[in-house]
Amino acid sequence: MKNMIAVSDDISLRLDELAERTQLTREQIVEDALTHGRSLAWREKWAAGVREGMEDADASDFAEDHEIAAVLDKFKN
């Protein structure tokens, strides 16, 4: 059973753009938000971070060992 809800034009546009960037459907994005409490803004930020990471990897821009160690040290008990 499919349910339809009305959303603002802004939300609809953001869903379309996010669906295109993530190769997910609008329905998958909305279901994820409702099931896991992930807002549209969270999903947009996540997708941007993934895209940035892929661009860095394509440019062979990887973290140095000392940079990784510094981040891990922040989370030690």
PDB file of N, CA and C in Angstrom:
ATOM      1  N   MET A   1       0.837  -1.171   0.000  1.00  0.00           N
ATOM      2  CA  MET A   1       0.000   0.000   0.000  1.00  0.00           C
ATOM      3  C   MET A   1       0.885   1.239   0.000  1.00  0.00           C
ATOM      4  N   LYS A   2       0.639   2.148  -0.928  1.00  0.00           N
ATOM      5  CA  LYS A   2       1.375   3.402  -0.986  1.00  0.00           C
ATOM      6  C   LYS A   2       0.537   4.512  -0.399  1.00  0.00           C
ATOM      7  N   ASN A   3       1.171   5.316   0.414  1.00  0.00           N
ATOM      8  CA  ASN A   3       0.523   6.486   0.984  1.00  0.00           C
ATOM      9  C   ASN A   3       1.147   7.717   0.350  1.00  0.00           C
ATOM     10  N   MET A   4       0.374   8.706   0.128  1.00  0.00           N
ATOM     11  CA  MET A   4       0.867   9.944  -0.456  1.00  0.00           C
ATOM     12  C   MET A   4       0.771  11.053   0.585  1.00  0.00           C
ATOM     13  N   ILE A   5       1.816  11.869   0.646  1.00  0.00           N
ATOM     14  CA  ILE A   5       1.783  13.042   1.501  1.00  0.00           C
ATOM     15  C   ILE A   5       2.212  14.240   0.673  1.00  0.00           C
ATOM     16  N   ALA A   6       1.705  15.389   1.014  1.00  0.00           N
ATOM     17  CA  ALA A   6       2.083  16.623   0.334  1.00  0.00           C
ATOM     18  C   ALA A   6       3.248  17.257   1.085  1.00  0.00           C
ATOM     19  N   VAL A   7       4.252  17.678   0.335  1.00  0.00           N
ATOM     20  CA  VAL A   7       5.385  18.391   0.926  1.00  0.00           C
ATOM     21  C   VAL A   7       5.568  19.693   0.147  1.00  0.00           C
ATOM     22  N   SER A   8       6.256  20.621   0.762  1.00  0.00           N
ATOM     23  CA  SER A   8       6.482  21.917   0.114  1.00  0.00           C
ATOM     24  C   SER A   8       7.343  21.725  -1.139  1.00  0.00           C
ATOM     25  N   ASP A   9       7.296  22.707  -2.004  1.00  0.00           N
ATOM     26  CA  ASP A   9       8.115  22.661  -3.222  1.00  0.00           C
ATOM     27  C   ASP A   9       9.602  22.568  -2.875  1.00  0.00           C
ATOM     28  N   ASP A  10      10.011  23.283  -1.820  1.00  0.00           N
ATOM     29  CA  ASP A  10      11.416  23.252  -1.397  1.00  0.00           C
ATOM     30  C   ASP A  10      11.841  21.846  -0.981  1.00  0.00           C
ATOM     31  N   ILE A  11      11.033  21.199  -0.166  1.00  0.00           N
ATOM     32  CA  ILE A  11      11.347  19.831   0.282  1.00  0.00           C
ATOM     33  C   ILE A  11      11.343  18.886  -0.908  1.00  0.00           C
ATOM     34  N   SER A  12      10.391  19.046  -1.795  1.00  0.00           N
ATOM     35  CA  SER A  12      10.309  18.190  -2.980  1.00  0.00           C
ATOM     36  C   SER A  12      11.566  18.329  -3.837  1.00  0.00           C
ATOM     37  N   LEU A  13      12.025  19.554  -4.046  1.00  0.00           N
ATOM     38  CA  LEU A  13      13.238  19.791  -4.824  1.00  0.00           C
ATOM     39  C   LEU A  13      14.449  19.183  -4.142  1.00  0.00           C
ATOM     40  N   ARG A  14      14.560  19.363  -2.820  1.00  0.00           N
ATOM     41  CA  ARG A  14      15.687  18.787  -2.075  1.00  0.00           C
ATOM     42  C   ARG A  14      15.678  17.272  -2.155  1.00  0.00           C
ATOM     43  N   LEU A  15      14.494  16.665  -2.068  1.00  0.00           N
ATOM     44  CA  LEU A  15      14.398  15.212  -2.196  1.00  0.00           C
ATOM     45  C   LEU A  15      14.849  14.753  -3.578  1.00  0.00           C
ATOM     46  N   ASP A  16      14.420  15.468  -4.613  1.00  0.00           N
ATOM     47  CA  ASP A  16      14.822  15.111  -5.974  1.00  0.00           C
ATOM     48  C   ASP A  16      16.337  15.216  -6.158  1.00  0.00           C
ATOM     49  N   GLU A  17      16.929  16.303  -5.669  1.00  0.00           N
ATOM     50  CA  GLU A  17      18.371  16.498  -5.803  1.00  0.00           C
ATOM     51  C   GLU A  17      19.143  15.432  -5.030  1.00  0.00           C
ATOM     52  N   LEU A  18      18.677  15.130  -3.829  1.00  0.00           N
ATOM     53  CA  LEU A  18      19.347  14.123  -3.013  1.00  0.00           C
ATOM     54  C   LEU A  18      19.204  12.739  -3.631  1.00  0.00           C
ATOM     55  N   ALA A  19      18.053  12.440  -4.161  1.00  0.00           N
ATOM     56  CA  ALA A  19      17.843  11.149  -4.817  1.00  0.00           C
ATOM     57  C   ALA A  19      18.794  10.994  -5.997  1.00  0.00           C
ATOM     58  N   GLU A  20      18.975  12.059  -6.756  1.00  0.00           N
ATOM     59  CA  GLU A  20      19.880  11.999  -7.900  1.00  0.00           C
ATOM     60  C   GLU A  20      21.326  11.796  -7.453  1.00  0.00           C
ATOM     61  N   ARG A  21      21.746  12.497  -6.401  1.00  0.00           N
ATOM     62  CA  ARG A  21      23.133  12.396  -5.924  1.00  0.00           C
ATOM     63  C   ARG A  21      23.431  11.048  -5.275  1.00  0.00           C
ATOM     64  N   THR A  22      22.449  10.456  -4.619  1.00  0.00           N
ATOM     65  CA  THR A  22      22.698   9.234  -3.851  1.00  0.00           C
ATOM     66  C   THR A  22      22.241   7.968  -4.558  1.00  0.00           C
ATOM     67  N   GLN A  23      21.558   8.109  -5.664  1.00  0.00           N
ATOM     68  CA  GLN A  23      20.995   6.977  -6.395  1.00  0.00           C
ATOM     69  C   GLN A  23      19.987   6.196  -5.548  1.00  0.00           C
ATOM     70  N   LEU A  24      19.338   6.905  -4.637  1.00  0.00           N
ATOM     71  CA  LEU A  24      18.229   6.354  -3.874  1.00  0.00           C
ATOM     72  C   LEU A  24      16.951   6.967  -4.417  1.00  0.00           C
ATOM     73  N   THR A  25      15.840   6.326  -4.158  1.00  0.00           N
ATOM     74  CA  THR A  25      14.568   6.919  -4.544  1.00  0.00           C
ATOM     75  C   THR A  25      14.102   7.887  -3.455  1.00  0.00           C
ATOM     76  N   ARG A  26      13.193   8.750  -3.832  1.00  0.00           N
ATOM     77  CA  ARG A  26      12.596   9.649  -2.843  1.00  0.00           C
ATOM     78  C   ARG A  26      11.980   8.835  -1.708  1.00  0.00           C
ATOM     79  N   GLU A  27      11.317   7.743  -2.072  1.00  0.00           N
ATOM     80  CA  GLU A  27      10.666   6.896  -1.075  1.00  0.00           C
ATOM     81  C   GLU A  27      11.679   6.296  -0.107  1.00  0.00           C
ATOM     82  N   GLN A  28      12.840   5.870  -0.627  1.00  0.00           N
ATOM     83  CA  GLN A  28      13.868   5.308   0.249  1.00  0.00           C
ATOM     84  C   GLN A  28      14.397   6.359   1.219  1.00  0.00           C
ATOM     85  N   ILE A  29      14.568   7.574   0.748  1.00  0.00           N
ATOM     86  CA  ILE A  29      15.063   8.652   1.604  1.00  0.00           C
ATOM     87  C   ILE A  29      14.059   8.960   2.711  1.00  0.00           C
ATOM     88  N   VAL A  30      12.797   9.058   2.349  1.00  0.00           N
ATOM     89  CA  VAL A  30      11.756   9.354   3.344  1.00  0.00           C
ATOM     90  C   VAL A  30      11.613   8.197   4.327  1.00  0.00           C
ATOM     91  N   GLU A  31      11.619   6.964   3.825  1.00  0.00           N
ATOM     92  CA  GLU A  31      11.495   5.809   4.723  1.00  0.00           C
ATOM     93  C   GLU A  31      12.666   5.749   5.699  1.00  0.00           C
ATOM     94  N   ASP A  32      13.880   6.025   5.216  1.00  0.00           N
ATOM     95  CA  ASP A  32      15.054   6.042   6.090  1.00  0.00           C
ATOM     96  C   ASP A  32      14.893   7.112   7.166  1.00  0.00           C
ATOM     97  N   ALA A  33      14.395   8.277   6.771  1.00  0.00           N
ATOM     98  CA  ALA A  33      14.202   9.364   7.735  1.00  0.00           C
ATOM     99  C   ALA A  33      13.204   8.964   8.810  1.00  0.00           C
ATOM    100  N   LEU A  34      12.115   8.350   8.397  1.00  0.00           N
ATOM    101  CA  LEU A  34      11.093   7.966   9.364  1.00  0.00           C
ATOM    102  C   LEU A  34      11.517   6.788  10.230  1.00  0.00           C
ATOM    103  N   THR A  35      12.248   5.861   9.655  1.00  0.00           N
ATOM    104  CA  THR A  35      12.663   4.668  10.385  1.00  0.00           C
ATOM    105  C   THR A  35      13.829   4.944  11.331  1.00  0.00           C
ATOM    106  N   HIS A  36      14.787   5.749  10.864  1.00  0.00           N
ATOM    107  CA  HIS A  36      16.027   5.936  11.622  1.00  0.00           C
ATOM    108  C   HIS A  36      16.196   7.353  12.179  1.00  0.00           C
ATOM    109  N   GLY A  37      15.230   8.209  11.963  1.00  0.00           N
ATOM    110  CA  GLY A  37      15.301   9.567  12.505  1.00  0.00           C
ATOM    111  C   GLY A  37      16.343  10.435  11.832  1.00  0.00           C
ATOM    112  N   ARG A  38      16.656  10.142  10.585  1.00  0.00           N
ATOM    113  CA  ARG A  38      17.660  10.927   9.861  1.00  0.00           C
ATOM    114  C   ARG A  38      16.949  12.014   9.067  1.00  0.00           C
ATOM    115  N   SER A  39      17.241  13.241   9.418  1.00  0.00           N
ATOM    116  CA  SER A  39      16.585  14.357   8.740  1.00  0.00           C
ATOM    117  C   SER A  39      17.118  14.512   7.320  1.00  0.00           C
ATOM    118  N   LEU A  40      16.401  15.263   6.539  1.00  0.00           N
ATOM    119  CA  LEU A  40      16.843  15.563   5.183  1.00  0.00           C
ATOM    120  C   LEU A  40      18.172  16.322   5.221  1.00  0.00           C
ATOM    121  N   ALA A  41      18.300  17.244   6.159  1.00  0.00           N
ATOM    122  CA  ALA A  41      19.550  17.996   6.307  1.00  0.00           C
ATOM    123  C   ALA A  41      20.699  17.060   6.663  1.00  0.00           C
ATOM    124  N   TRP A  42      20.460  16.069   7.541  1.00  0.00           N
ATOM    125  CA  TRP A  42      21.507  15.103   7.898  1.00  0.00           C
ATOM    126  C   TRP A  42      21.934  14.319   6.665  1.00  0.00           C
ATOM    127  N   ARG A  43      20.958  13.851   5.896  1.00  0.00           N
ATOM    128  CA  ARG A  43      21.257  13.053   4.700  1.00  0.00           C
ATOM    129  C   ARG A  43      22.015  13.892   3.672  1.00  0.00           C
ATOM    130  N   GLU A  44      21.648  15.163   3.515  1.00  0.00           N
ATOM    131  CA  GLU A  44      22.352  16.040   2.573  1.00  0.00           C
ATOM    132  C   GLU A  44      23.802  16.238   3.006  1.00  0.00           C
ATOM    133  N   LYS A  45      24.007  16.455   4.310  1.00  0.00           N
ATOM    134  CA  LYS A  45      25.368  16.641   4.830  1.00  0.00           C
ATOM    135  C   LYS A  45      26.179  15.364   4.656  1.00  0.00           C
ATOM    136  N   TRP A  46      25.576  14.217   4.908  1.00  0.00           N
ATOM    137  CA  TRP A  46      26.249  12.931   4.746  1.00  0.00           C
ATOM    138  C   TRP A  46      26.668  12.730   3.286  1.00  0.00           C
ATOM    139  N   ALA A  47      25.757  12.998   2.361  1.00  0.00           N
ATOM    140  CA  ALA A  47      26.057  12.825   0.935  1.00  0.00           C
ATOM    141  C   ALA A  47      27.173  13.763   0.503  1.00  0.00           C
ATOM    142  N   ALA A  48      27.184  14.989   1.005  1.00  0.00           N
ATOM    143  CA  ALA A  48      28.244  15.940   0.675  1.00  0.00           C
ATOM    144  C   ALA A  48      29.589  15.454   1.211  1.00  0.00           C
ATOM    145  N   GLY A  49      29.593  14.900   2.410  1.00  0.00           N
ATOM    146  CA  GLY A  49      30.829  14.364   2.985  1.00  0.00           C
ATOM    147  C   GLY A  49      31.366  13.185   2.196  1.00  0.00           C
ATOM    148  N   VAL A  50      30.479  12.313   1.757  1.00  0.00           N
ATOM    149  CA  VAL A  50      30.895  11.178   0.938  1.00  0.00           C
ATOM    150  C   VAL A  50      31.481  11.682  -0.373  1.00  0.00           C
ATOM    151  N   ARG A  51      30.809  12.636  -1.000  1.00  0.00           N
ATOM    152  CA  ARG A  51      31.292  13.190  -2.266  1.00  0.00           C
ATOM    153  C   ARG A  51      32.669  13.822  -2.085  1.00  0.00           C
ATOM    154  N   GLU A  52      32.857  14.569  -1.000  1.00  0.00           N
ATOM    155  CA  GLU A  52      34.143  15.205  -0.718  1.00  0.00           C
ATOM    156  C   GLU A  52      35.236  14.153  -0.508  1.00  0.00           C
ATOM    157  N   GLY A  53      34.902  13.103   0.225  1.00  0.00           N
ATOM    158  CA  GLY A  53      35.865  12.037   0.451  1.00  0.00           C
ATOM    159  C   GLY A  53      36.264  11.334  -0.836  1.00  0.00           C
ATOM    160  N   MET A  54      35.295  11.135  -1.718  1.00  0.00           N
ATOM    161  CA  MET A  54      35.598  10.496  -3.002  1.00  0.00           C
ATOM    162  C   MET A  54      36.476  11.397  -3.867  1.00  0.00           C
ATOM    163  N   GLU A  55      36.220  12.693  -3.829  1.00  0.00           N
ATOM    164  CA  GLU A  55      37.054  13.632  -4.573  1.00  0.00           C
ATOM    165  C   GLU A  55      38.481  13.631  -4.026  1.00  0.00           C
ATOM    166  N   ASP A  56      38.618  13.599  -2.702  1.00  0.00           N
ATOM    167  CA  ASP A  56      39.950  13.521  -2.091  1.00  0.00           C
ATOM    168  C   ASP A  56      40.663  12.242  -2.497  1.00  0.00           C
ATOM    169  N   ALA A  57      39.953  11.136  -2.475  1.00  0.00           N
ATOM    170  CA  ALA A  57      40.557   9.856  -2.857  1.00  0.00           C
ATOM    171  C   ALA A  57      40.973   9.868  -4.318  1.00  0.00           C
ATOM    172  N   ASP A  58      40.138  10.427  -5.173  1.00  0.00           N
ATOM    173  CA  ASP A  58      40.484  10.522  -6.590  1.00  0.00           C
ATOM    174  C   ASP A  58      41.740  11.351  -6.801  1.00  0.00           C
ATOM    175  N   ALA A  59      41.953  12.336  -5.920  1.00  0.00           N
ATOM    176  CA  ALA A  59      43.136  13.192  -6.006  1.00  0.00           C
ATOM    177  C   ALA A  59      44.304  12.624  -5.199  1.00  0.00           C
ATOM    178  N   SER A  60      44.158  11.385  -4.709  1.00  0.00           N
ATOM    179  CA  SER A  60      45.179  10.718  -3.875  1.00  0.00           C
ATOM    180  C   SER A  60      45.513  11.535  -2.634  1.00  0.00           C
ATOM    181  N   ASP A  61      44.529  12.226  -2.096  1.00  0.00           N
ATOM    182  CA  ASP A  61      44.704  13.036  -0.887  1.00  0.00           C
ATOM    183  C   ASP A  61      44.198  12.238   0.302  1.00  0.00           C
ATOM    184  N   PHE A  62      45.094  11.463   0.886  1.00  0.00           N
ATOM    185  CA  PHE A  62      44.738  10.599   2.008  1.00  0.00           C
ATOM    186  C   PHE A  62      45.345  11.131   3.296  1.00  0.00           C
ATOM    187  N   ALA A  63      44.758  10.770   4.423  1.00  0.00           N
ATOM    188  CA  ALA A  63      45.277  11.192   5.723  1.00  0.00           C
ATOM    189  C   ALA A  63      46.614  10.513   5.988  1.00  0.00           C
ATOM    190  N   GLU A  64      47.503  11.266   6.596  1.00  0.00           N
ATOM    191  CA  GLU A  64      48.811  10.740   7.001  1.00  0.00           C
ATOM    192  C   GLU A  64      48.626   9.964   8.308  1.00  0.00           C
ATOM    193  N   ASP A  65      49.554   9.057   8.588  1.00  0.00           N
ATOM    194  CA  ASP A  65      49.475   8.241   9.803  1.00  0.00           C
ATOM    195  C   ASP A  65      49.357   9.101  11.059  1.00  0.00           C
ATOM    196  N   HIS A  66      50.121  10.201  11.127  1.00  0.00           N
ATOM    197  CA  HIS A  66      50.067  11.053  12.330  1.00  0.00           C
ATOM    198  C   HIS A  66      48.715  11.757  12.457  1.00  0.00           C
ATOM    199  N   GLU A  67      48.050  12.056  11.335  1.00  0.00           N
ATOM    200  CA  GLU A  67      46.733  12.671  11.388  1.00  0.00           C
ATOM    201  C   GLU A  67      45.691  11.681  11.909  1.00  0.00           C
ATOM    202  N   ILE A  68      45.785  10.445  11.477  1.00  0.00           N
ATOM    203  CA  ILE A  68      44.872   9.404  11.957  1.00  0.00           C
ATOM    204  C   ILE A  68      45.089   9.168  13.438  1.00  0.00           C
ATOM    205  N   ALA A  69      46.363   9.108  13.863  1.00  0.00           N
ATOM    206  CA  ALA A  69      46.668   8.898  15.278  1.00  0.00           C
ATOM    207  C   ALA A  69      46.118  10.031  16.140  1.00  0.00           C
ATOM    208  N   ALA A  70      46.191  11.254  15.650  1.00  0.00           N
ATOM    209  CA  ALA A  70      45.674  12.413  16.413  1.00  0.00           C
ATOM    210  C   ALA A  70      44.174  12.295  16.603  1.00  0.00           C
ATOM    211  N   VAL A  71      43.455  11.877  15.586  1.00  0.00           N
ATOM    212  CA  VAL A  71      42.004  11.719  15.704  1.00  0.00           C
ATOM    213  C   VAL A  71      41.671  10.590  16.672  1.00  0.00           C
ATOM    214  N   LEU A  72      42.365   9.470  16.558  1.00  0.00           N
ATOM    215  CA  LEU A  72      42.106   8.331  17.447  1.00  0.00           C
ATOM    216  C   LEU A  72      42.431   8.688  18.893  1.00  0.00           C
ATOM    217  N   ASP A  73      43.481   9.494  19.112  1.00  0.00           N
ATOM    218  CA  ASP A  73      43.852   9.903  20.467  1.00  0.00           C
ATOM    219  C   ASP A  73      42.749  10.725  21.128  1.00  0.00           C
ATOM    220  N   LYS A  74      41.984  11.480  20.332  1.00  0.00           N
ATOM    221  CA  LYS A  74      40.905  12.292  20.897  1.00  0.00           C
ATOM    222  C   LYS A  74      39.834  11.418  21.539  1.00  0.00           C
ATOM    223  N   PHE A  75      39.693  10.179  21.094  1.00  0.00           N
ATOM    224  CA  PHE A  75      38.611   9.328  21.563  1.00  0.00           C
ATOM    225  C   PHE A  75      39.060   8.243  22.541  1.00  0.00           C
ATOM    226  N   LYS A  76      40.326   8.293  22.930  1.00  0.00           N
ATOM    227  CA  LYS A  76      40.793   7.333  23.950  1.00  0.00           C
ATOM    228  C   LYS A  76      40.199   7.701  25.294  1.00  0.00           C
ATOM    229  N   ASN A  77      39.951   6.701  26.118  1.00  0.00           N
ATOM    230  CA  ASN A  77      39.393   6.956  27.463  1.00  0.00           C
ATOM    231  C   ASN A  77      40.427   7.490  28.389  1.00  0.00           C
TER     232      ASN A  77
END
